[in-house]
Amino acid sequence: MALLNVLVYPDARLSQISQPVMEFSEDLRKFMRDLEETFRSFPGCVGIAAPQVGRFERIILVDISEKPKHVNHGFLVLINPEITFYEGSSLGREGCLSVPDYTGKVERAKFITLKALNQKGEKLEFQMSGYEARAVQHEIDHLDGKLFLDRLVSRRNALSKRAEIPTKP
């Protein structure tokens, strides 16, 4: 397994639209293991999308289970995810591995229905709400060449610089 390099804004590749996965090969399985290892190497991270590491296929990983107050489905590998139903609206602050120095206020659907495939190509369907629905919508945006910066509720005061985390001497 290997840690993959994360593309960082303003890298133009982050605006590229990803293609559906058509073949469930050993190469794909190896890539997903590497993507998971990369994802796990960022404590506090709740999602990553294949285009963030330069592979432009419709693959996302989401895991909010470390946030116990939020209802969730555990660790999810979602291939060719598609939101088939949106409901409600919620404003929340988001961050991103590809925009490491900033967070921003973004409006997302409060409830979603999601269809996807797992790593074996089997069909999945989920009803999601709250933080998990937000995380999935954020990662699907990456597949469509969008960053949370493209969805800020206001250009004037929705973007904030992250507080610097003190490092140990």
Protein backbone atom coordinates (compact mmCIF):
# COMPACT_ATOMS: atom_id res chain seq x y z
CA MET A 1 0.00 0.00 0.00
CA ALA A 2 1.09 3.57 -0.56
CA LEU A 3 0.20 7.08 0.52
CA LEU A 4 -1.03 9.11 -2.43
CA ASN A 5 -0.33 12.80 -2.98
CA VAL A 6 -3.33 15.05 -2.43
CA LEU A 7 -3.91 17.76 -5.04
CA VAL A 8 -4.20 21.22 -3.49
CA TYR A 9 -6.12 24.26 -4.73
CA PRO A 10 -5.49 26.02 -7.14
CA ASP A 11 -4.42 22.87 -9.03
CA ALA A 12 -6.53 22.98 -12.22
CA ARG A 13 -7.02 19.19 -12.16
CA LEU A 14 -9.41 19.64 -9.22
CA SER A 15 -11.97 21.06 -11.66
CA GLN A 16 -11.86 17.99 -13.91
CA ILE A 17 -15.04 15.89 -14.11
CA SER A 18 -14.54 12.22 -13.21
CA GLN A 19 -15.68 9.27 -15.31
CA PRO A 20 -17.78 6.33 -14.06
CA VAL A 21 -15.96 3.18 -13.01
CA MET A 22 -16.63 0.54 -15.65
CA GLU A 23 -14.26 -2.27 -14.65
CA PHE A 24 -13.73 -3.74 -11.20
CA SER A 25 -10.15 -4.89 -11.67
CA GLU A 26 -7.25 -5.71 -9.36
CA ASP A 27 -5.81 -2.29 -10.27
CA LEU A 28 -9.00 -0.66 -8.95
CA ARG A 29 -8.85 -2.70 -5.72
CA LYS A 30 -5.20 -1.72 -5.19
CA PHE A 31 -6.03 1.93 -5.81
CA MET A 32 -8.89 1.80 -3.28
CA ARG A 33 -6.55 0.31 -0.65
CA ASP A 34 -4.07 3.14 -1.30
CA LEU A 35 -6.88 5.71 -1.21
CA GLU A 36 -8.06 4.35 2.14
CA GLU A 37 -4.53 4.43 3.55
CA THR A 38 -4.17 8.04 2.39
CA PHE A 39 -7.57 8.91 3.90
CA ARG A 40 -6.67 7.30 7.25
CA SER A 41 -3.37 9.22 7.35
CA PHE A 42 -5.30 12.47 7.97
CA PRO A 43 -6.75 12.36 11.52
CA GLY A 44 -10.19 13.93 11.69
CA CYS A 45 -10.77 13.56 7.95
CA VAL A 46 -14.26 12.26 7.11
CA GLY A 47 -14.01 11.79 3.35
CA ILE A 48 -11.83 11.69 0.28
CA ALA A 49 -12.55 11.47 -3.43
CA ALA A 50 -10.41 9.80 -6.10
CA PRO A 51 -9.86 13.05 -8.07
CA GLN A 52 -8.22 14.58 -5.00
CA VAL A 53 -5.31 12.20 -5.61
CA GLY A 54 -5.33 12.57 -9.39
CA ARG A 55 -7.48 9.60 -10.39
CA PHE A 56 -10.52 10.84 -12.25
CA GLU A 57 -12.98 8.05 -11.58
CA ARG A 58 -16.19 8.31 -9.57
CA ILE A 59 -14.96 6.86 -6.26
CA ILE A 60 -15.39 8.33 -2.78
CA LEU A 61 -14.68 7.14 0.75
CA VAL A 62 -16.70 8.52 3.66
CA ASP A 63 -16.46 7.65 7.35
CA ILE A 64 -17.94 9.84 10.07
CA SER A 65 -18.02 7.04 12.67
CA GLU A 66 -15.35 8.85 14.72
CA LYS A 67 -18.03 11.52 15.34
CA PRO A 68 -20.27 9.43 17.63
CA LYS A 69 -23.05 11.99 18.05
CA HIS A 70 -23.86 11.73 14.34
CA VAL A 71 -25.96 8.90 12.90
CA ASN A 72 -23.93 7.11 10.24
CA HIS A 73 -23.41 3.97 8.17
CA GLY A 74 -19.76 3.45 9.18
CA PHE A 75 -16.93 3.32 6.67
CA LEU A 76 -18.30 3.61 3.12
CA VAL A 77 -16.65 2.88 -0.21
CA LEU A 78 -18.96 4.43 -2.79
CA ILE A 79 -18.38 3.87 -6.49
CA ASN A 80 -20.40 5.79 -9.10
CA PRO A 81 -22.46 7.44 -6.32
CA GLU A 82 -25.64 9.18 -7.36
CA ILE A 83 -27.98 11.21 -5.20
CA THR A 84 -31.51 10.35 -6.26
CA PHE A 85 -33.40 12.48 -3.70
CA TYR A 86 -32.66 15.70 -1.82
CA GLU A 87 -34.73 17.30 0.93
CA GLY A 88 -34.34 20.21 3.29
CA SER A 89 -31.49 22.62 3.65
CA SER A 90 -28.72 23.05 6.17
CA LEU A 91 -25.94 25.61 6.50
CA GLY A 92 -22.63 24.30 7.83
CA ARG A 93 -18.90 24.93 7.88
CA GLU A 94 -16.76 22.65 5.71
CA GLY A 95 -13.08 22.03 5.27
CA CYS A 96 -11.19 20.02 2.66
CA LEU A 97 -7.88 18.22 2.25
CA SER A 98 -7.50 20.04 -1.08
CA VAL A 99 -8.08 23.45 0.53
CA PRO A 100 -6.06 22.91 3.72
CA ASP A 101 -5.85 26.48 5.00
CA TYR A 102 -9.53 27.48 4.90
CA THR A 103 -13.04 26.47 5.93
CA GLY A 104 -16.25 27.87 4.56
CA LYS A 105 -20.01 28.06 5.11
CA VAL A 106 -21.87 25.93 2.59
CA GLU A 107 -25.56 25.12 2.18
CA ARG A 108 -26.36 21.44 1.56
CA ALA A 109 -29.43 19.22 1.52
CA LYS A 110 -30.32 17.96 4.99
CA PHE A 111 -31.56 14.54 3.78
CA ILE A 112 -30.49 12.50 0.76
CA THR A 113 -31.10 9.13 -0.83
CA LEU A 114 -27.95 7.72 -2.37
CA LYS A 115 -27.34 4.91 -4.86
CA ALA A 116 -23.83 3.56 -5.45
CA LEU A 117 -21.80 0.42 -6.00
CA ASN A 118 -19.41 -1.14 -3.52
CA GLN A 119 -15.89 -2.34 -4.37
CA LYS A 120 -17.32 -5.63 -5.70
CA GLY A 121 -19.74 -3.83 -8.03
CA GLU A 122 -22.78 -4.67 -5.87
CA LYS A 123 -25.62 -2.14 -5.68
CA LEU A 124 -26.07 -0.12 -2.49
CA GLU A 125 -28.73 2.35 -1.40
CA PHE A 126 -28.72 4.59 1.66
CA GLN A 127 -30.91 7.16 3.34
CA MET A 128 -28.62 9.75 4.92
CA SER A 129 -29.08 12.87 6.97
CA GLY A 130 -27.13 15.55 8.75
CA TYR A 131 -23.35 15.42 8.85
CA GLU A 132 -23.09 12.17 6.88
CA ALA A 133 -25.28 13.57 4.08
CA ARG A 134 -23.13 16.73 4.06
CA ALA A 135 -19.90 14.71 3.82
CA VAL A 136 -21.23 12.62 0.92
CA GLN A 137 -22.44 15.71 -0.97
CA HIS A 138 -19.03 17.36 -0.46
CA GLU A 139 -17.18 14.32 -1.84
CA ILE A 140 -19.55 13.91 -4.81
CA ASP A 141 -18.83 17.55 -5.68
CA HIS A 142 -15.18 16.54 -6.18
CA LEU A 143 -16.32 14.00 -8.78
CA ASP A 144 -18.04 16.84 -10.62
CA GLY A 145 -14.97 19.10 -10.50
CA LYS A 146 -16.30 21.31 -7.71
CA LEU A 147 -14.80 22.42 -4.40
CA PHE A 148 -16.63 23.81 -1.39
CA LEU A 149 -15.20 27.17 -2.50
CA ASP A 150 -17.62 27.00 -5.45
CA ARG A 151 -20.58 26.73 -3.06
CA LEU A 152 -19.81 29.38 -0.45
CA VAL A 153 -23.01 31.08 0.71
CA SER A 154 -21.35 34.48 0.55
CA ARG A 155 -18.12 35.65 -1.01
CA ARG A 156 -17.74 38.27 1.70
CA ASN A 157 -17.76 36.43 5.03
CA ALA A 158 -18.27 32.70 4.41
CA LEU A 159 -14.57 31.81 4.09
CA SER A 160 -12.34 31.62 7.19
CA LYS A 161 -8.64 30.93 7.63
CA ARG A 162 -8.08 27.80 9.72
CA ALA A 163 -6.55 28.35 13.12
CA GLU A 164 -2.99 27.12 13.18
CA ILE A 165 -2.52 23.95 15.16
CA PRO A 166 0.47 24.22 17.47
CA THR A 167 3.17 21.69 16.75
CA LYS A 168 5.14 19.92 19.43
CA PRO A 169 8.71 21.15 19.90
